[in-house]
Amino acid sequence: MAIRQNKTLLFISPIIFLLLICFLNIQSLAIMKGLSTEELTKESEMVVIGEVKDVQSHWSSDGTTIFSSAAVVVYEIIKGRANHDIVVEYEGGEVGEIGLKVSDAEPLKKGEKVLLFLKTGKSKKDGNIYNIIGKAQGKYTIGEDGIARKRGFSIVNGQEGIDNNIPTEKLIDKIRKVKQ
């Protein structure tokens, strides 16, 4: 009798586990290798400060992914060359009643002032655009207090050298000191 009950429990346990996974709405952040300011700078073609003027979400040309295109007015170029207006593209967004949230990407929001680490890329719809290096790690939101902040991801424990909640001028100075 004891053997039969144990087999039943072994069979029921995975089913309960799967049901819990399917029905629990668990929000989590992506855990990734942290990129230092030096690593972000070296991987970037350009680093800019600007303001997000507009964000539009679209389906990819093959209809399988939702992505967002953000129009950014560039105020300051810290590294590389940029036009006054650029388009930054990233996965995620909402089209109609359907949305896609990418756990390690921090969406751009209309009106926010940002510092972005960028590289050129091919649009999921058409044309060339810019992608953020390191997903959420390559986006700083600059507050009214002049502090540059990151969010939207977690890094592996014990990693040092990840700049967050740093005065913007200090961050810019660190970026400019990176040897290419």
C-alpha atoms as a PDB file:
ATOM      1  CA  MET A   1       0.000   0.000   0.000  1.00  0.00           C
ATOM      2  CA  ALA A   2       2.817   2.422   0.840  1.00  0.00           C
ATOM      3  CA  ILE A   3       4.473   1.860  -2.552  1.00  0.00           C
ATOM      4  CA  ARG A   4       1.253   2.633  -4.437  1.00  0.00           C
ATOM      5  CA  GLN A   5       0.729   5.911  -2.488  1.00  0.00           C
ATOM      6  CA  ASN A   6       4.326   7.026  -3.180  1.00  0.00           C
ATOM      7  CA  LYS A   7       3.895   6.385  -6.940  1.00  0.00           C
ATOM      8  CA  THR A   8       0.685   8.421  -6.912  1.00  0.00           C
ATOM      9  CA  LEU A   9       2.437  11.275  -5.113  1.00  0.00           C
ATOM     10  CA  LEU A  10       5.319  11.150  -7.604  1.00  0.00           C
ATOM     11  CA  PHE A  11       2.833  11.420 -10.459  1.00  0.00           C
ATOM     12  CA  ILE A  12       0.746  14.202  -8.898  1.00  0.00           C
ATOM     13  CA  SER A  13       3.720  16.343  -7.785  1.00  0.00           C
ATOM     14  CA  PRO A  14       4.899  17.229 -11.329  1.00  0.00           C
ATOM     15  CA  ILE A  15       1.333  18.068 -12.351  1.00  0.00           C
ATOM     16  CA  ILE A  16       0.906  20.412  -9.385  1.00  0.00           C
ATOM     17  CA  PHE A  17       4.283  21.979 -10.149  1.00  0.00           C
ATOM     18  CA  LEU A  18       3.322  22.607 -13.788  1.00  0.00           C
ATOM     19  CA  LEU A  19      -0.027  24.079 -12.782  1.00  0.00           C
ATOM     20  CA  LEU A  20       1.683  26.432 -10.332  1.00  0.00           C
ATOM     21  CA  ILE A  21       4.103  27.602 -13.014  1.00  0.00           C
ATOM     22  CA  CYS A  22       1.299  28.153 -15.532  1.00  0.00           C
ATOM     23  CA  PHE A  23      -1.096  29.979 -13.244  1.00  0.00           C
ATOM     24  CA  LEU A  24       1.148  32.026 -11.009  1.00  0.00           C
ATOM     25  CA  ASN A  25       1.932  35.463 -12.361  1.00  0.00           C
ATOM     26  CA  ILE A  26       5.515  35.841 -11.215  1.00  0.00           C
ATOM     27  CA  GLN A  27       7.356  38.987 -12.233  1.00  0.00           C
ATOM     28  CA  SER A  28      11.093  38.692 -12.237  1.00  0.00           C
ATOM     29  CA  LEU A  29      14.053  40.580 -13.553  1.00  0.00           C
ATOM     30  CA  ALA A  30      16.619  39.069 -15.831  1.00  0.00           C
ATOM     31  CA  ILE A  31      19.834  38.070 -14.131  1.00  0.00           C
ATOM     32  CA  MET A  32      22.833  38.766 -16.312  1.00  0.00           C
ATOM     33  CA  LYS A  33      26.546  39.460 -16.284  1.00  0.00           C
ATOM     34  CA  GLY A  34      26.978  43.078 -15.346  1.00  0.00           C
ATOM     35  CA  LEU A  35      28.725  45.335 -17.840  1.00  0.00           C
ATOM     36  CA  SER A  36      30.953  48.062 -16.466  1.00  0.00           C
ATOM     37  CA  THR A  37      30.941  51.574 -17.893  1.00  0.00           C
ATOM     38  CA  GLU A  38      34.216  50.698 -19.613  1.00  0.00           C
ATOM     39  CA  GLU A  39      32.748  47.564 -21.240  1.00  0.00           C
ATOM     40  CA  LEU A  40      29.598  49.412 -22.346  1.00  0.00           C
ATOM     41  CA  THR A  41      31.702  52.218 -23.830  1.00  0.00           C
ATOM     42  CA  LYS A  42      34.047  49.880 -25.705  1.00  0.00           C
ATOM     43  CA  GLU A  43      31.125  47.932 -27.226  1.00  0.00           C
ATOM     44  CA  SER A  44      29.285  51.111 -28.285  1.00  0.00           C
ATOM     45  CA  GLU A  45      29.606  52.930 -31.583  1.00  0.00           C
ATOM     46  CA  MET A  46      28.163  55.994 -29.937  1.00  0.00           C
ATOM     47  CA  VAL A  47      27.057  57.269 -26.550  1.00  0.00           C
ATOM     48  CA  VAL A  48      24.534  60.104 -26.431  1.00  0.00           C
ATOM     49  CA  ILE A  49      22.385  62.127 -24.098  1.00  0.00           C
ATOM     50  CA  GLY A  50      18.958  63.023 -25.393  1.00  0.00           C
ATOM     51  CA  GLU A  51      15.249  63.223 -24.802  1.00  0.00           C
ATOM     52  CA  VAL A  52      12.726  60.632 -25.921  1.00  0.00           C
ATOM     53  CA  LYS A  53      10.219  62.493 -28.102  1.00  0.00           C
ATOM     54  CA  ASP A  54       7.978  59.617 -29.149  1.00  0.00           C
ATOM     55  CA  VAL A  55       7.652  55.836 -28.834  1.00  0.00           C
ATOM     56  CA  GLN A  56       5.677  53.676 -31.267  1.00  0.00           C
ATOM     57  CA  SER A  57       5.203  49.900 -31.084  1.00  0.00           C
ATOM     58  CA  HIS A  58       4.883  47.724 -34.189  1.00  0.00           C
ATOM     59  CA  TRP A  59       4.839  44.129 -35.356  1.00  0.00           C
ATOM     60  CA  SER A  60       8.056  42.912 -36.990  1.00  0.00           C
ATOM     61  CA  SER A  61       7.883  42.505 -40.789  1.00  0.00           C
ATOM     62  CA  ASP A  62       7.442  38.723 -40.340  1.00  0.00           C
ATOM     63  CA  GLY A  63       4.629  39.288 -37.814  1.00  0.00           C
ATOM     64  CA  THR A  64       6.235  37.290 -34.994  1.00  0.00           C
ATOM     65  CA  THR A  65       7.582  39.941 -32.599  1.00  0.00           C
ATOM     66  CA  ILE A  66       6.434  43.242 -31.171  1.00  0.00           C
ATOM     67  CA  PHE A  67       9.122  45.905 -31.033  1.00  0.00           C
ATOM     68  CA  SER A  68       9.219  49.593 -30.197  1.00  0.00           C
ATOM     69  CA  SER A  69      10.848  52.462 -32.046  1.00  0.00           C
ATOM     70  CA  ALA A  70      11.745  55.517 -29.993  1.00  0.00           C
ATOM     71  CA  ALA A  71      12.511  58.878 -31.583  1.00  0.00           C
ATOM     72  CA  VAL A  72      15.307  60.503 -29.572  1.00  0.00           C
ATOM     73  CA  VAL A  73      16.474  64.101 -29.924  1.00  0.00           C
ATOM     74  CA  VAL A  74      20.233  64.125 -29.282  1.00  0.00           C
ATOM     75  CA  TYR A  75      21.438  66.937 -26.996  1.00  0.00           C
ATOM     76  CA  GLU A  76      25.018  65.787 -26.457  1.00  0.00           C
ATOM     77  CA  ILE A  77      27.320  63.304 -28.190  1.00  0.00           C
ATOM     78  CA  ILE A  78      29.794  61.749 -25.758  1.00  0.00           C
ATOM     79  CA  LYS A  79      31.246  59.181 -28.186  1.00  0.00           C
ATOM     80  CA  GLY A  80      30.897  58.731 -31.940  1.00  0.00           C
ATOM     81  CA  ARG A  81      28.799  60.690 -34.409  1.00  0.00           C
ATOM     82  CA  ALA A  82      25.057  61.148 -34.430  1.00  0.00           C
ATOM     83  CA  ASN A  83      22.379  63.122 -36.168  1.00  0.00           C
ATOM     84  CA  HIS A  84      20.207  65.505 -34.185  1.00  0.00           C
ATOM     85  CA  ASP A  85      17.375  62.937 -34.331  1.00  0.00           C
ATOM     86  CA  ILE A  86      17.889  59.175 -34.063  1.00  0.00           C
ATOM     87  CA  VAL A  87      15.626  56.130 -33.819  1.00  0.00           C
ATOM     88  CA  VAL A  88      16.329  53.530 -31.145  1.00  0.00           C
ATOM     89  CA  GLU A  89      14.672  50.142 -31.498  1.00  0.00           C
ATOM     90  CA  TYR A  90      14.151  47.403 -28.901  1.00  0.00           C
ATOM     91  CA  GLU A  91      11.954  44.346 -28.390  1.00  0.00           C
ATOM     92  CA  GLY A  92       8.742  44.800 -26.449  1.00  0.00           C
ATOM     93  CA  GLY A  93       5.734  47.084 -26.453  1.00  0.00           C
ATOM     94  CA  GLU A  94       2.007  46.976 -27.084  1.00  0.00           C
ATOM     95  CA  VAL A  95       0.114  46.792 -30.357  1.00  0.00           C
ATOM     96  CA  GLY A  96      -3.618  46.991 -29.841  1.00  0.00           C
ATOM     97  CA  GLU A  97      -4.499  44.684 -26.979  1.00  0.00           C
ATOM     98  CA  ILE A  98      -1.403  42.512 -27.363  1.00  0.00           C
ATOM     99  CA  GLY A  99       1.773  43.280 -25.443  1.00  0.00           C
ATOM    100  CA  LEU A 100       5.280  41.900 -25.161  1.00  0.00           C
ATOM    101  CA  LYS A 101       7.464  42.563 -22.114  1.00  0.00           C
ATOM    102  CA  VAL A 102      11.116  41.616 -22.315  1.00  0.00           C
ATOM    103  CA  SER A 103      12.545  41.001 -18.849  1.00  0.00           C
ATOM    104  CA  ASP A 104      16.021  42.393 -19.470  1.00  0.00           C
ATOM    105  CA  ALA A 105      15.003  45.449 -21.495  1.00  0.00           C
ATOM    106  CA  GLU A 106      14.031  48.771 -19.950  1.00  0.00           C
ATOM    107  CA  PRO A 107      11.557  50.555 -22.250  1.00  0.00           C
ATOM    108  CA  LEU A 108      12.126  54.150 -23.281  1.00  0.00           C
ATOM    109  CA  LYS A 109       9.367  56.524 -22.194  1.00  0.00           C
ATOM    110  CA  LYS A 110       8.207  59.671 -23.921  1.00  0.00           C
ATOM    111  CA  GLY A 111       9.625  62.762 -22.227  1.00  0.00           C
ATOM    112  CA  GLU A 112      12.437  61.094 -20.302  1.00  0.00           C
ATOM    113  CA  LYS A 113      16.025  62.324 -20.515  1.00  0.00           C
ATOM    114  CA  VAL A 114      18.408  59.446 -21.181  1.00  0.00           C
ATOM    115  CA  LEU A 115      22.053  58.537 -21.631  1.00  0.00           C
ATOM    116  CA  LEU A 116      22.311  55.656 -24.122  1.00  0.00           C
ATOM    117  CA  PHE A 117      25.101  53.298 -25.210  1.00  0.00           C
ATOM    118  CA  LEU A 118      24.286  52.446 -28.860  1.00  0.00           C
ATOM    119  CA  LYS A 119      25.316  50.491 -31.939  1.00  0.00           C
ATOM    120  CA  THR A 120      23.816  50.559 -35.418  1.00  0.00           C
ATOM    121  CA  GLY A 121      21.442  47.783 -36.312  1.00  0.00           C
ATOM    122  CA  LYS A 122      18.902  46.619 -38.857  1.00  0.00           C
ATOM    123  CA  SER A 123      15.293  47.443 -38.100  1.00  0.00           C
ATOM    124  CA  LYS A 124      12.817  44.613 -37.589  1.00  0.00           C
ATOM    125  CA  LYS A 125      10.504  46.569 -39.886  1.00  0.00           C
ATOM    126  CA  ASP A 126      12.659  48.483 -42.389  1.00  0.00           C
ATOM    127  CA  GLY A 127      15.779  50.610 -42.544  1.00  0.00           C
ATOM    128  CA  ASN A 128      18.655  51.179 -40.138  1.00  0.00           C
ATOM    129  CA  ILE A 129      18.258  52.084 -36.496  1.00  0.00           C
ATOM    130  CA  TYR A 130      20.222  51.996 -33.235  1.00  0.00           C
ATOM    131  CA  ASN A 131      20.126  49.256 -30.612  1.00  0.00           C
ATOM    132  CA  ILE A 132      20.985  49.692 -26.946  1.00  0.00           C
ATOM    133  CA  ILE A 133      24.136  47.834 -25.841  1.00  0.00           C
ATOM    134  CA  GLY A 134      23.531  45.441 -22.936  1.00  0.00           C
ATOM    135  CA  LYS A 135      19.746  45.954 -23.129  1.00  0.00           C
ATOM    136  CA  ALA A 136      18.682  47.596 -19.828  1.00  0.00           C
ATOM    137  CA  GLN A 137      22.318  48.077 -18.801  1.00  0.00           C
ATOM    138  CA  GLY A 138      22.923  50.493 -21.695  1.00  0.00           C
ATOM    139  CA  LYS A 139      20.164  52.906 -20.684  1.00  0.00           C
ATOM    140  CA  TYR A 140      20.454  55.488 -17.950  1.00  0.00           C
ATOM    141  CA  THR A 141      17.531  57.709 -17.032  1.00  0.00           C
ATOM    142  CA  ILE A 142      18.734  61.149 -15.971  1.00  0.00           C
ATOM    143  CA  GLY A 143      16.663  62.631 -13.167  1.00  0.00           C
ATOM    144  CA  GLU A 144      15.940  66.292 -12.427  1.00  0.00           C
ATOM    145  CA  ASP A 145      18.596  65.973  -9.709  1.00  0.00           C
ATOM    146  CA  GLY A 146      21.297  65.190 -12.317  1.00  0.00           C
ATOM    147  CA  ILE A 147      21.683  61.569 -11.188  1.00  0.00           C
ATOM    148  CA  ALA A 148      21.925  58.824 -13.851  1.00  0.00           C
ATOM    149  CA  ARG A 149      20.018  55.676 -12.857  1.00  0.00           C
ATOM    150  CA  LYS A 150      19.649  52.179 -14.322  1.00  0.00           C
ATOM    151  CA  ARG A 151      16.882  49.671 -13.648  1.00  0.00           C
ATOM    152  CA  GLY A 152      15.144  46.664 -15.149  1.00  0.00           C
ATOM    153  CA  PHE A 153      17.740  43.952 -14.525  1.00  0.00           C
ATOM    154  CA  SER A 154      19.677  42.148 -11.829  1.00  0.00           C
ATOM    155  CA  ILE A 155      23.325  41.165 -12.025  1.00  0.00           C
ATOM    156  CA  VAL A 156      25.129  38.109 -10.734  1.00  0.00           C
ATOM    157  CA  ASN A 157      26.146  38.567  -7.090  1.00  0.00           C
ATOM    158  CA  GLY A 158      29.603  39.841  -6.362  1.00  0.00           C
ATOM    159  CA  GLN A 159      30.115  41.906  -9.504  1.00  0.00           C
ATOM    160  CA  GLU A 160      31.755  45.247  -8.863  1.00  0.00           C
ATOM    161  CA  GLY A 161      32.200  48.295 -11.057  1.00  0.00           C
ATOM    162  CA  ILE A 162      28.595  48.667 -12.211  1.00  0.00           C
ATOM    163  CA  ASP A 163      27.775  52.365 -12.093  1.00  0.00           C
ATOM    164  CA  ASN A 164      24.280  53.202 -10.912  1.00  0.00           C
ATOM    165  CA  ASN A 165      22.849  56.228  -9.166  1.00  0.00           C
ATOM    166  CA  ILE A 166      25.844  58.250 -10.283  1.00  0.00           C
ATOM    167  CA  PRO A 167      26.035  61.989 -11.015  1.00  0.00           C
ATOM    168  CA  THR A 168      25.696  62.381 -14.790  1.00  0.00           C
ATOM    169  CA  GLU A 169      28.832  64.532 -15.118  1.00  0.00           C
ATOM    170  CA  LYS A 170      30.889  61.873 -13.306  1.00  0.00           C
ATOM    171  CA  LEU A 171      29.507  59.176 -15.624  1.00  0.00           C
ATOM    172  CA  ILE A 172      30.307  61.269 -18.718  1.00  0.00           C
ATOM    173  CA  ASP A 173      33.844  61.803 -17.432  1.00  0.00           C
ATOM    174  CA  LYS A 174      34.314  58.017 -16.949  1.00  0.00           C
ATOM    175  CA  ILE A 175      33.054  57.349 -20.494  1.00  0.00           C
ATOM    176  CA  ARG A 176      35.415  59.922 -22.030  1.00  0.00           C
ATOM    177  CA  LYS A 177      38.416  58.394 -20.198  1.00  0.00           C
ATOM    178  CA  VAL A 178      37.885  54.933 -21.721  1.00  0.00           C
ATOM    179  CA  LYS A 179      40.674  54.068 -24.165  1.00  0.00           C
ATOM    180  CA  GLN A 180      39.445  52.618 -27.427  1.00  0.00           C
END
